[in-house]
Amino acid sequence: SSCNKTEIESFTLHRQGFMGFIPFTVVC
């Protein structure tokens, strides 16, 4: 009610990529 337009845009991601390296780095 306070703006002219609202919209929701989708995108794809791989959410565990950001921190998923931790076990690999620790093993290394």
PDB file of all heavy atoms in Angstrom:
ATOM      1  N   SER A   1       0.820  -1.216   0.000  1.00  0.00           N
ATOM      2  CA  SER A   1       0.000   0.000   0.000  1.00  0.00           C
ATOM      3  C   SER A   1       0.852   1.265   0.000  1.00  0.00           C
ATOM      4  O   SER A   1       0.325   2.369  -0.190  1.00  0.00           O
ATOM      5  CB  SER A   1      -0.936   0.011   1.215  1.00  0.00           C
ATOM      6  OG  SER A   1      -0.185   0.027   2.428  1.00  0.00           O
ATOM      7  N   SER A   2       2.173   1.118   0.189  1.00  0.00           N
ATOM      8  CA  SER A   2       3.059   2.280   0.267  1.00  0.00           C
ATOM      9  C   SER A   2       3.972   2.408  -0.946  1.00  0.00           C
ATOM     10  O   SER A   2       4.888   3.230  -0.950  1.00  0.00           O
ATOM     11  CB  SER A   2       3.918   2.186   1.542  1.00  0.00           C
ATOM     12  OG  SER A   2       3.110   2.135   2.695  1.00  0.00           O
ATOM     13  N   CYS A   3       3.747   1.568  -1.948  1.00  0.00           N
ATOM     14  CA  CYS A   3       4.583   1.637  -3.140  1.00  0.00           C
ATOM     15  C   CYS A   3       3.727   1.390  -4.376  1.00  0.00           C
ATOM     16  O   CYS A   3       2.529   1.095  -4.270  1.00  0.00           O
ATOM     17  CB  CYS A   3       5.734   0.636  -3.057  1.00  0.00           C
ATOM     18  SG  CYS A   3       5.203  -1.076  -2.980  1.00  0.00           S
ATOM     19  N   ASN A   4       4.318   1.518  -5.521  1.00  0.00           N
ATOM     20  CA  ASN A   4       3.590   1.333  -6.772  1.00  0.00           C
ATOM     21  C   ASN A   4       3.609  -0.100  -7.266  1.00  0.00           C
ATOM     22  O   ASN A   4       2.710  -0.523  -8.006  1.00  0.00           O
ATOM     23  CB  ASN A   4       4.188   2.240  -7.862  1.00  0.00           C
ATOM     24  CG  ASN A   4       4.090   3.704  -7.498  1.00  0.00           C
ATOM     25  OD1 ASN A   4       5.004   4.243  -6.872  1.00  0.00           O
ATOM     26  ND2 ASN A   4       3.003   4.349  -7.865  1.00  0.00           N
ATOM     27  N   LYS A   5       4.629  -0.855  -6.867  1.00  0.00           N
ATOM     28  CA  LYS A   5       4.755  -2.207  -7.393  1.00  0.00           C
ATOM     29  C   LYS A   5       5.596  -3.064  -6.465  1.00  0.00           C
ATOM     30  O   LYS A   5       6.593  -2.611  -5.918  1.00  0.00           O
ATOM     31  CB  LYS A   5       5.426  -2.153  -8.779  1.00  0.00           C
ATOM     32  CG  LYS A   5       5.646  -3.508  -9.426  1.00  0.00           C
ATOM     33  CD  LYS A   5       6.183  -3.368 -10.845  1.00  0.00           C
ATOM     34  CE  LYS A   5       7.566  -2.766 -10.878  1.00  0.00           C
ATOM     35  NZ  LYS A   5       8.171  -2.765 -12.247  1.00  0.00           N
ATOM     36  N   THR A   6       5.159  -4.304  -6.267  1.00  0.00           N
ATOM     37  CA  THR A   6       5.998  -5.304  -5.611  1.00  0.00           C
ATOM     38  C   THR A   6       6.123  -6.498  -6.555  1.00  0.00           C
ATOM     39  O   THR A   6       5.176  -6.834  -7.268  1.00  0.00           O
ATOM     40  CB  THR A   6       5.411  -5.780  -4.273  1.00  0.00           C
ATOM     41  OG1 THR A   6       4.140  -6.398  -4.497  1.00  0.00           O
ATOM     42  CG2 THR A   6       5.254  -4.629  -3.293  1.00  0.00           C
ATOM     43  N   GLU A   7       7.281  -7.092  -6.567  1.00  0.00           N
ATOM     44  CA  GLU A   7       7.507  -8.265  -7.406  1.00  0.00           C
ATOM     45  C   GLU A   7       8.507  -9.179  -6.726  1.00  0.00           C
ATOM     46  O   GLU A   7       9.316  -8.737  -5.910  1.00  0.00           O
ATOM     47  CB  GLU A   7       8.002  -7.860  -8.798  1.00  0.00           C
ATOM     48  CG  GLU A   7       9.199  -6.928  -8.769  1.00  0.00           C
ATOM     49  CD  GLU A   7       9.469  -6.275 -10.120  1.00  0.00           C
ATOM     50  OE1 GLU A   7       9.277  -6.947 -11.153  1.00  0.00           O
ATOM     51  OE2 GLU A   7       9.881  -5.111 -10.126  1.00  0.00           O
ATOM     52  N   ILE A   8       8.424 -10.458  -7.053  1.00  0.00           N
ATOM     53  CA  ILE A   8       9.349 -11.441  -6.500  1.00  0.00           C
ATOM     54  C   ILE A   8      10.030 -12.155  -7.657  1.00  0.00           C
ATOM     55  O   ILE A   8       9.366 -12.730  -8.524  1.00  0.00           O
ATOM     56  CB  ILE A   8       8.622 -12.440  -5.581  1.00  0.00           C
ATOM     57  CG1 ILE A   8       8.083 -11.717  -4.340  1.00  0.00           C
ATOM     58  CG2 ILE A   8       9.566 -13.563  -5.164  1.00  0.00           C
ATOM     59  CD1 ILE A   8       7.321 -12.605  -3.372  1.00  0.00           C
ATOM     60  N   GLU A   9      11.342 -12.067  -7.685  1.00  0.00           N
ATOM     61  CA  GLU A   9      12.140 -12.678  -8.745  1.00  0.00           C
ATOM     62  C   GLU A   9      12.877 -13.897  -8.193  1.00  0.00           C
ATOM     63  O   GLU A   9      13.399 -13.848  -7.079  1.00  0.00           O
ATOM     64  CB  GLU A   9      13.158 -11.685  -9.301  1.00  0.00           C
ATOM     65  CG  GLU A   9      12.535 -10.461  -9.959  1.00  0.00           C
ATOM     66  CD  GLU A   9      13.565  -9.480 -10.482  1.00  0.00           C
ATOM     67  OE1 GLU A   9      14.767  -9.636 -10.147  1.00  0.00           O
ATOM     68  OE2 GLU A   9      13.176  -8.559 -11.219  1.00  0.00           O
ATOM     69  N   SER A  10      12.926 -14.946  -8.965  1.00  0.00           N
ATOM     70  CA  SER A  10      13.614 -16.167  -8.528  1.00  0.00           C
ATOM     71  C   SER A  10      15.012 -16.253  -9.139  1.00  0.00           C
ATOM     72  O   SER A  10      15.294 -15.640 -10.176  1.00  0.00           O
ATOM     73  CB  SER A  10      12.803 -17.404  -8.921  1.00  0.00           C
ATOM     74  OG  SER A  10      12.719 -17.519 -10.328  1.00  0.00           O
ATOM     75  N   PHE A  11      15.866 -17.002  -8.490  1.00  0.00           N
ATOM     76  CA  PHE A  11      17.191 -17.305  -9.014  1.00  0.00           C
ATOM     77  C   PHE A  11      17.637 -18.629  -8.410  1.00  0.00           C
ATOM     78  O   PHE A  11      17.075 -19.093  -7.413  1.00  0.00           O
ATOM     79  CB  PHE A  11      18.197 -16.192  -8.694  1.00  0.00           C
ATOM     80  CG  PHE A  11      18.422 -15.968  -7.217  1.00  0.00           C
ATOM     81  CD1 PHE A  11      19.467 -16.604  -6.544  1.00  0.00           C
ATOM     82  CD2 PHE A  11      17.590 -15.118  -6.490  1.00  0.00           C
ATOM     83  CE1 PHE A  11      19.675 -16.398  -5.181  1.00  0.00           C
ATOM     84  CE2 PHE A  11      17.789 -14.904  -5.130  1.00  0.00           C
ATOM     85  CZ  PHE A  11      18.836 -15.546  -4.479  1.00  0.00           C
ATOM     86  N   THR A  12      18.615 -19.250  -9.008  1.00  0.00           N
ATOM     87  CA  THR A  12      19.111 -20.527  -8.494  1.00  0.00           C
ATOM     88  C   THR A  12      20.426 -20.325  -7.747  1.00  0.00           C
ATOM     89  O   THR A  12      21.182 -19.391  -8.018  1.00  0.00           O
ATOM     90  CB  THR A  12      19.338 -21.539  -9.628  1.00  0.00           C
ATOM     91  OG1 THR A  12      20.272 -21.000 -10.567  1.00  0.00           O
ATOM     92  CG2 THR A  12      18.036 -21.850 -10.335  1.00  0.00           C
ATOM     93  N   LEU A  13      20.676 -21.202  -6.800  1.00  0.00           N
ATOM     94  CA  LEU A  13      21.922 -21.158  -6.034  1.00  0.00           C
ATOM     95  C   LEU A  13      22.244 -22.555  -5.531  1.00  0.00           C
ATOM     96  O   LEU A  13      21.422 -23.481  -5.650  1.00  0.00           O
ATOM     97  CB  LEU A  13      21.819 -20.193  -4.854  1.00  0.00           C
ATOM     98  CG  LEU A  13      21.117 -20.721  -3.582  1.00  0.00           C
ATOM     99  CD1 LEU A  13      21.627 -19.987  -2.361  1.00  0.00           C
ATOM    100  CD2 LEU A  13      19.610 -20.629  -3.685  1.00  0.00           C
ATOM    101  N   HIS A  14      23.418 -22.708  -4.963  1.00  0.00           N
ATOM    102  CA  HIS A  14      23.847 -23.940  -4.297  1.00  0.00           C
ATOM    103  C   HIS A  14      24.250 -23.505  -2.892  1.00  0.00           C
ATOM    104  O   HIS A  14      25.408 -23.152  -2.656  1.00  0.00           O
ATOM    105  CB  HIS A  14      25.024 -24.563  -5.041  1.00  0.00           C
ATOM    106  CG  HIS A  14      24.796 -24.735  -6.508  1.00  0.00           C
ATOM    107  ND1 HIS A  14      24.465 -25.944  -7.075  1.00  0.00           N
ATOM    108  CD2 HIS A  14      24.837 -23.843  -7.530  1.00  0.00           C
ATOM    109  CE1 HIS A  14      24.330 -25.799  -8.380  1.00  0.00           C
ATOM    110  NE2 HIS A  14      24.549 -24.522  -8.673  1.00  0.00           N
ATOM    111  N   ARG A  15      23.284 -23.503  -1.967  1.00  0.00           N
ATOM    112  CA  ARG A  15      23.489 -22.802  -0.694  1.00  0.00           C
ATOM    113  C   ARG A  15      24.644 -23.360   0.139  1.00  0.00           C
ATOM    114  O   ARG A  15      25.260 -22.635   0.911  1.00  0.00           O
ATOM    115  CB  ARG A  15      22.198 -22.777   0.119  1.00  0.00           C
ATOM    116  CG  ARG A  15      21.692 -24.128   0.571  1.00  0.00           C
ATOM    117  CD  ARG A  15      20.435 -23.967   1.436  1.00  0.00           C
ATOM    118  NE  ARG A  15      19.772 -25.239   1.659  1.00  0.00           N
ATOM    119  CZ  ARG A  15      18.475 -25.458   1.461  1.00  0.00           C
ATOM    120  NH1 ARG A  15      17.699 -24.485   1.015  1.00  0.00           N
ATOM    121  NH2 ARG A  15      17.940 -26.641   1.691  1.00  0.00           N
ATOM    122  N   GLN A  16      24.934 -24.656   0.021  1.00  0.00           N
ATOM    123  CA  GLN A  16      26.004 -25.209   0.846  1.00  0.00           C
ATOM    124  C   GLN A  16      27.389 -24.966   0.257  1.00  0.00           C
ATOM    125  O   GLN A  16      28.399 -25.248   0.903  1.00  0.00           O
ATOM    126  CB  GLN A  16      25.791 -26.719   1.051  1.00  0.00           C
ATOM    127  CG  GLN A  16      24.546 -27.054   1.872  1.00  0.00           C
ATOM    128  CD  GLN A  16      24.614 -26.582   3.319  1.00  0.00           C
ATOM    129  OE1 GLN A  16      25.549 -25.895   3.714  1.00  0.00           O
ATOM    130  NE2 GLN A  16      23.613 -26.941   4.102  1.00  0.00           N
ATOM    131  N   GLY A  17      27.434 -24.400  -0.961  1.00  0.00           N
ATOM    132  CA  GLY A  17      28.730 -24.125  -1.556  1.00  0.00           C
ATOM    133  C   GLY A  17      29.549 -23.130  -0.756  1.00  0.00           C
ATOM    134  O   GLY A  17      30.777 -23.248  -0.668  1.00  0.00           O
ATOM    135  N   PHE A  18      28.872 -22.171  -0.135  1.00  0.00           N
ATOM    136  CA  PHE A  18      29.562 -21.093   0.569  1.00  0.00           C
ATOM    137  C   PHE A  18      30.401 -21.594   1.735  1.00  0.00           C
ATOM    138  O   PHE A  18      31.529 -21.152   1.956  1.00  0.00           O
ATOM    139  CB  PHE A  18      28.532 -20.065   1.044  1.00  0.00           C
ATOM    140  CG  PHE A  18      29.113 -18.889   1.776  1.00  0.00           C
ATOM    141  CD1 PHE A  18      30.141 -18.147   1.220  1.00  0.00           C
ATOM    142  CD2 PHE A  18      28.638 -18.521   3.018  1.00  0.00           C
ATOM    143  CE1 PHE A  18      30.689 -17.060   1.894  1.00  0.00           C
ATOM    144  CE2 PHE A  18      29.163 -17.434   3.699  1.00  0.00           C
ATOM    145  CZ  PHE A  18      30.191 -16.709   3.138  1.00  0.00           C
ATOM    146  N   MET A  19      29.855 -22.532   2.509  1.00  0.00           N
ATOM    147  CA  MET A  19      30.572 -23.055   3.680  1.00  0.00           C
ATOM    148  C   MET A  19      30.882 -24.541   3.561  1.00  0.00           C
ATOM    149  O   MET A  19      31.516 -25.118   4.443  1.00  0.00           O
ATOM    150  CB  MET A  19      29.731 -22.815   4.950  1.00  0.00           C
ATOM    151  CG  MET A  19      29.407 -21.360   5.218  1.00  0.00           C
ATOM    152  SD  MET A  19      30.805 -20.429   5.838  1.00  0.00           S
ATOM    153  CE  MET A  19      30.678 -20.789   7.584  1.00  0.00           C
ATOM    154  N   GLY A  20      30.448 -25.139   2.463  1.00  0.00           N
ATOM    155  CA  GLY A  20      30.605 -26.584   2.329  1.00  0.00           C
ATOM    156  C   GLY A  20      32.037 -27.051   2.166  1.00  0.00           C
ATOM    157  O   GLY A  20      32.326 -28.252   2.288  1.00  0.00           O
ATOM    158  N   PHE A  21      32.938 -26.126   1.921  1.00  0.00           N
ATOM    159  CA  PHE A  21      34.354 -26.487   1.763  1.00  0.00           C
ATOM    160  C   PHE A  21      35.013 -26.839   3.084  1.00  0.00           C
ATOM    161  O   PHE A  21      36.113 -27.425   3.112  1.00  0.00           O
ATOM    162  CB  PHE A  21      35.121 -25.306   1.148  1.00  0.00           C
ATOM    163  CG  PHE A  21      35.242 -24.129   2.084  1.00  0.00           C
ATOM    164  CD1 PHE A  21      36.292 -24.042   2.985  1.00  0.00           C
ATOM    165  CD2 PHE A  21      34.281 -23.126   2.086  1.00  0.00           C
ATOM    166  CE1 PHE A  21      36.391 -22.975   3.872  1.00  0.00           C
ATOM    167  CE2 PHE A  21      34.375 -22.055   2.963  1.00  0.00           C
ATOM    168  CZ  PHE A  21      35.429 -21.977   3.855  1.00  0.00           C
ATOM    169  N   ILE A  22      34.389 -26.499   4.205  1.00  0.00           N
ATOM    170  CA  ILE A  22      35.051 -26.614   5.510  1.00  0.00           C
ATOM    171  C   ILE A  22      35.563 -28.031   5.805  1.00  0.00           C
ATOM    172  O   ILE A  22      36.733 -28.198   6.153  1.00  0.00           O
ATOM    173  CB  ILE A  22      34.133 -26.098   6.646  1.00  0.00           C
ATOM    174  CG1 ILE A  22      33.965 -24.575   6.528  1.00  0.00           C
ATOM    175  CG2 ILE A  22      34.701 -26.458   8.020  1.00  0.00           C
ATOM    176  CD1 ILE A  22      33.016 -23.976   7.547  1.00  0.00           C
ATOM    177  N   PRO A  23      34.738 -29.082   5.674  1.00  0.00           N
ATOM    178  CA  PRO A  23      35.280 -30.427   5.948  1.00  0.00           C
ATOM    179  C   PRO A  23      36.465 -30.774   5.045  1.00  0.00           C
ATOM    180  O   PRO A  23      37.450 -31.362   5.510  1.00  0.00           O
ATOM    181  CB  PRO A  23      34.083 -31.347   5.673  1.00  0.00           C
ATOM    182  CG  PRO A  23      32.885 -30.486   5.902  1.00  0.00           C
ATOM    183  CD  PRO A  23      33.285 -29.129   5.407  1.00  0.00           C
ATOM    184  N   PHE A  24      36.384 -30.405   3.777  1.00  0.00           N
ATOM    185  CA  PHE A  24      37.475 -30.676   2.836  1.00  0.00           C
ATOM    186  C   PHE A  24      38.748 -29.956   3.271  1.00  0.00           C
ATOM    187  O   PHE A  24      39.844 -30.544   3.302  1.00  0.00           O
ATOM    188  CB  PHE A  24      37.068 -30.229   1.433  1.00  0.00           C
ATOM    189  CG  PHE A  24      38.186 -30.257   0.435  1.00  0.00           C
ATOM    190  CD1 PHE A  24      38.623 -31.458  -0.108  1.00  0.00           C
ATOM    191  CD2 PHE A  24      38.818 -29.081   0.045  1.00  0.00           C
ATOM    192  CE1 PHE A  24      39.672 -31.494  -1.027  1.00  0.00           C
ATOM    193  CE2 PHE A  24      39.865 -29.102  -0.879  1.00  0.00           C
ATOM    194  CZ  PHE A  24      40.291 -30.315  -1.408  1.00  0.00           C
ATOM    195  N   THR A  25      38.626 -28.684   3.629  1.00  0.00           N
ATOM    196  CA  THR A  25      39.795 -27.902   4.041  1.00  0.00           C
ATOM    197  C   THR A  25      40.411 -28.461   5.319  1.00  0.00           C
ATOM    198  O   THR A  25      41.642 -28.523   5.456  1.00  0.00           O
ATOM    199  CB  THR A  25      39.398 -26.424   4.227  1.00  0.00           C
ATOM    200  OG1 THR A  25      38.979 -25.889   2.968  1.00  0.00           O
ATOM    201  CG2 THR A  25      40.556 -25.595   4.748  1.00  0.00           C
ATOM    202  N   VAL A  26      39.561 -28.873   6.243  1.00  0.00           N
ATOM    203  CA  VAL A  26      40.060 -29.456   7.489  1.00  0.00           C
ATOM    204  C   VAL A  26      40.818 -30.754   7.213  1.00  0.00           C
ATOM    205  O   VAL A  26      41.922 -30.976   7.744  1.00  0.00           O
ATOM    206  CB  VAL A  26      38.900 -29.703   8.478  1.00  0.00           C
ATOM    207  CG1 VAL A  26      39.374 -30.565   9.657  1.00  0.00           C
ATOM    208  CG2 VAL A  26      38.359 -28.376   8.990  1.00  0.00           C
ATOM    209  N   VAL A  27      40.251 -31.609   6.376  1.00  0.00           N
ATOM    210  CA  VAL A  27      40.927 -32.871   6.029  1.00  0.00           C
ATOM    211  C   VAL A  27      42.282 -32.594   5.377  1.00  0.00           C
ATOM    212  O   VAL A  27      43.282 -33.259   5.681  1.00  0.00           O
ATOM    213  CB  VAL A  27      40.039 -33.720   5.100  1.00  0.00           C
ATOM    214  CG1 VAL A  27      40.836 -34.889   4.512  1.00  0.00           C
ATOM    215  CG2 VAL A  27      38.833 -34.254   5.868  1.00  0.00           C
ATOM    216  N   CYS A  28      42.314 -31.591   4.523  1.00  0.00           N
ATOM    217  CA  CYS A  28      43.578 -31.227   3.870  1.00  0.00           C
ATOM    218  C   CYS A  28      44.625 -30.791   4.895  1.00  0.00           C
ATOM    219  O   CYS A  28      45.787 -31.226   4.853  1.00  0.00           O
ATOM    220  CB  CYS A  28      43.351 -30.107   2.854  1.00  0.00           C
ATOM    221  SG  CYS A  28      42.523 -30.637   1.341  1.00  0.00           S
TER     222      CYS A  28
END
